[in-house]
């Protein structure tokens, strides 16, 4: 037991589970950003075939906000351990 919690169980995964799943609401596949060959131009071009540019911008902003909240929760749990 570490810091009053069982090893590996710090409550982080349960807190992150409360966040909405972005795949249900955004017009792009978030795994695109993790590819070694990710190209912004190609990403935008592919998305524009499916949705207007304004929708892409809104979804990118929504995903960015979700990432910031996730990072805050992550650092909060690990800094308080």
Protein backbone atom coordinates (compact mmCIF):
# COMPACT_ATOMS: atom_id res chain seq x y z
CA UNK A 1 0.00 0.00 0.00
CA UNK A 2 1.35 3.39 -0.97
CA UNK A 3 0.04 6.71 0.34
CA UNK A 4 -3.00 5.00 1.84
CA UNK A 5 -3.92 3.43 -1.50
CA UNK A 6 -3.29 0.01 -2.93
CA UNK A 7 -0.35 -0.16 -5.36
CA UNK A 8 -1.49 0.78 -8.84
CA UNK A 9 -4.85 2.08 -7.61
CA UNK A 10 -4.63 5.80 -7.09
CA UNK A 11 -8.14 6.69 -8.23
CA UNK A 12 -6.84 8.22 -11.44
CA UNK A 13 -8.53 5.75 -13.78
CA UNK A 14 -11.87 6.16 -12.03
CA UNK A 15 -11.57 9.96 -12.26
CA UNK A 16 -10.61 9.86 -15.93
CA UNK A 17 -13.55 7.51 -16.58
CA UNK A 18 -15.86 10.40 -15.63
CA UNK A 19 -14.68 12.41 -18.64
CA UNK A 20 -16.78 12.13 -21.79
CA UNK A 21 -15.49 9.87 -24.53
CA UNK A 22 -14.41 12.30 -27.25
CA UNK A 23 -14.87 9.73 -30.02
CA UNK A 24 -18.62 10.00 -29.53
CA UNK A 25 -18.62 13.72 -30.27
CA UNK A 26 -15.71 14.68 -32.50
CA UNK A 27 -15.38 14.42 -36.26
CA UNK A 28 -11.88 12.91 -36.27
CA UNK A 29 -10.07 9.90 -34.90
CA UNK A 30 -7.93 11.05 -31.99
CA UNK A 31 -5.35 8.33 -32.69
CA UNK A 32 -4.42 10.24 -35.85
CA UNK A 33 -2.24 12.53 -33.72
CA UNK A 34 -0.13 9.64 -32.45
CA UNK A 35 0.96 8.34 -35.82
CA UNK A 36 4.62 8.76 -36.73
CA UNK A 37 3.66 9.99 -40.18
CA UNK A 38 0.95 12.46 -39.02
CA UNK A 39 0.69 15.41 -41.38
CA UNK A 40 -1.48 18.37 -40.48
CA UNK A 41 -2.29 19.19 -44.10
CA UNK A 42 -3.49 15.66 -44.80
CA UNK A 43 -5.47 15.53 -41.54
CA UNK A 44 -7.32 18.78 -42.33
CA UNK A 45 -7.91 17.75 -45.93
CA UNK A 46 -9.37 14.39 -44.89
CA UNK A 47 -11.62 15.98 -42.27
CA UNK A 48 -12.87 18.66 -44.68
CA UNK A 49 -14.19 15.92 -46.96
CA UNK A 50 -16.54 14.89 -44.15
CA UNK A 51 -17.35 18.09 -42.28
CA UNK A 52 -17.16 21.88 -42.70
CA UNK A 53 -13.99 23.60 -41.50
CA UNK A 54 -15.94 25.30 -38.67
CA UNK A 55 -17.02 21.89 -37.29
CA UNK A 56 -13.41 20.70 -37.37
CA UNK A 57 -12.29 23.81 -35.51
CA UNK A 58 -14.98 23.35 -32.86
CA UNK A 59 -14.12 19.67 -32.39
CA UNK A 60 -10.39 20.42 -32.13
CA UNK A 61 -11.14 23.01 -29.44
CA UNK A 62 -13.37 20.56 -27.59
CA UNK A 63 -10.71 17.86 -27.72
CA UNK A 64 -8.04 20.33 -26.57
CA UNK A 65 -10.18 21.29 -23.54
CA UNK A 66 -10.67 17.60 -22.71
CA UNK A 67 -6.91 17.02 -22.90
CA UNK A 68 -6.25 19.96 -20.55
CA UNK A 69 -8.75 18.62 -18.00
CA UNK A 70 -7.26 15.13 -18.29
CA UNK A 71 -3.76 16.49 -17.69
CA UNK A 72 -4.96 18.48 -14.70
CA UNK A 73 -6.56 15.39 -13.15
CA UNK A 74 -3.46 13.31 -13.92
CA UNK A 75 -1.06 15.79 -12.32
CA UNK A 76 -3.39 16.39 -9.38
CA UNK A 77 -3.42 12.69 -8.49
CA UNK A 78 0.30 12.15 -8.98
CA UNK A 79 1.36 15.30 -7.16
CA UNK A 80 -0.79 14.43 -4.14
CA UNK A 81 0.59 10.85 -3.86
